Structures are given as structure tokens and as C-alpha cells.
């Protein structure tokens, strides 16, 4: 009964490690260094931007065509 929480924590750690390894396994050394230098800043980005922000990005993207 006491080992249940340890198993859950280990499974969660393994899943997040697998996601990161899948994202970076096809990168070359320079790309991998660049990714790791930006990873913390990317994690700080707002994950749910406002509708106005999304519209601005889409309008900018369309103007480049």
C-alpha cells in the first residue's frame, strides 16, 4: 500500500522524460544546444494567448504571403 504513490511519481517522471527525448532525438548537436538554451524561456511563454493576440499573429502571417 505504501508503494502506490512512488509508482505513480516514477511513471509521471518517465512520461515527461520520454516526451523530451522524442522532441530532441532527431536534432544535431548545434540544434540541441540551441534548444536547451531556449527551453526555459519557451516554458515561460503564455500558453493560452488572448483571441486578439492570435488574430494579430494570423494577420501578420497572411501579410507575408
Protein backbone atom coordinates (compact mmCIF):
# COMPACT_ATOMS: atom_id res chain seq x y z
CA UNK A 1 0.00 0.00 0.00
CA UNK A 2 2.85 2.42 0.74
CA UNK A 3 4.47 1.94 -2.69
CA UNK A 4 1.48 3.17 -4.71
CA UNK A 5 2.49 6.85 -4.65
CA UNK A 6 6.10 6.04 -5.58
CA UNK A 7 4.94 4.10 -8.64
CA UNK A 8 2.76 6.98 -9.81
CA UNK A 9 5.58 9.51 -9.38
CA UNK A 10 8.01 7.30 -11.28
CA UNK A 11 5.52 6.84 -14.14
CA UNK A 12 4.97 10.60 -14.42
CA UNK A 13 8.72 11.23 -14.47
CA UNK A 14 9.22 8.60 -17.16
CA UNK A 15 6.46 10.07 -19.37
CA UNK A 16 7.91 13.59 -19.23
CA UNK A 17 11.41 12.27 -19.92
CA UNK A 18 10.12 10.34 -22.93
CA UNK A 19 8.35 13.42 -24.32
CA UNK A 20 11.54 15.47 -24.10
CA UNK A 21 13.67 12.73 -25.66
CA UNK A 22 11.20 12.33 -28.55
CA UNK A 23 11.31 16.06 -29.22
CA UNK A 24 15.09 16.19 -29.27
CA UNK A 25 16.20 12.80 -30.62
CA UNK A 26 16.45 13.95 -34.28
CA UNK A 27 18.37 17.16 -33.57
CA UNK A 28 22.04 17.65 -34.37
CA UNK A 29 24.45 18.89 -31.68
CA UNK A 30 24.18 22.60 -32.53
CA UNK A 31 20.39 22.42 -32.69
CA UNK A 32 20.28 20.57 -29.39
CA UNK A 33 22.44 23.22 -27.68
CA UNK A 34 20.20 25.94 -29.10
CA UNK A 35 17.06 24.11 -27.94
CA UNK A 36 18.37 23.72 -24.39
CA UNK A 37 19.36 27.39 -24.22
CA UNK A 38 15.79 28.44 -25.09
CA UNK A 39 13.86 25.71 -23.30
CA UNK A 40 13.36 27.62 -20.04
CA UNK A 41 12.21 30.75 -21.84
CA UNK A 42 9.82 28.74 -24.01
CA UNK A 43 8.29 27.17 -20.90
CA UNK A 44 7.56 30.67 -19.56
CA UNK A 45 5.53 31.69 -22.61
CA UNK A 46 1.84 32.24 -22.11
CA UNK A 47 0.10 29.01 -23.04
CA UNK A 48 -3.38 30.47 -23.54
CA UNK A 49 -2.97 33.71 -25.50
CA UNK A 50 -5.89 36.07 -25.93
CA UNK A 51 -8.03 35.97 -29.07
CA UNK A 52 -6.62 39.37 -30.07
CA UNK A 53 -3.05 38.02 -29.94
CA UNK A 54 -3.91 35.01 -32.09
CA UNK A 55 -5.65 37.25 -34.64
CA UNK A 56 -2.63 39.56 -34.77
CA UNK A 57 -0.28 36.66 -35.43
CA UNK A 58 -2.54 35.24 -38.13
CA UNK A 59 -2.92 38.64 -39.83
CA UNK A 60 0.84 39.13 -39.81
CA UNK A 61 1.36 35.66 -41.27
CA UNK A 62 -1.16 36.34 -44.04
CA UNK A 63 0.50 39.67 -44.86
CA UNK A 64 3.79 37.86 -45.59
CA UNK A 65 2.27 35.86 -48.44
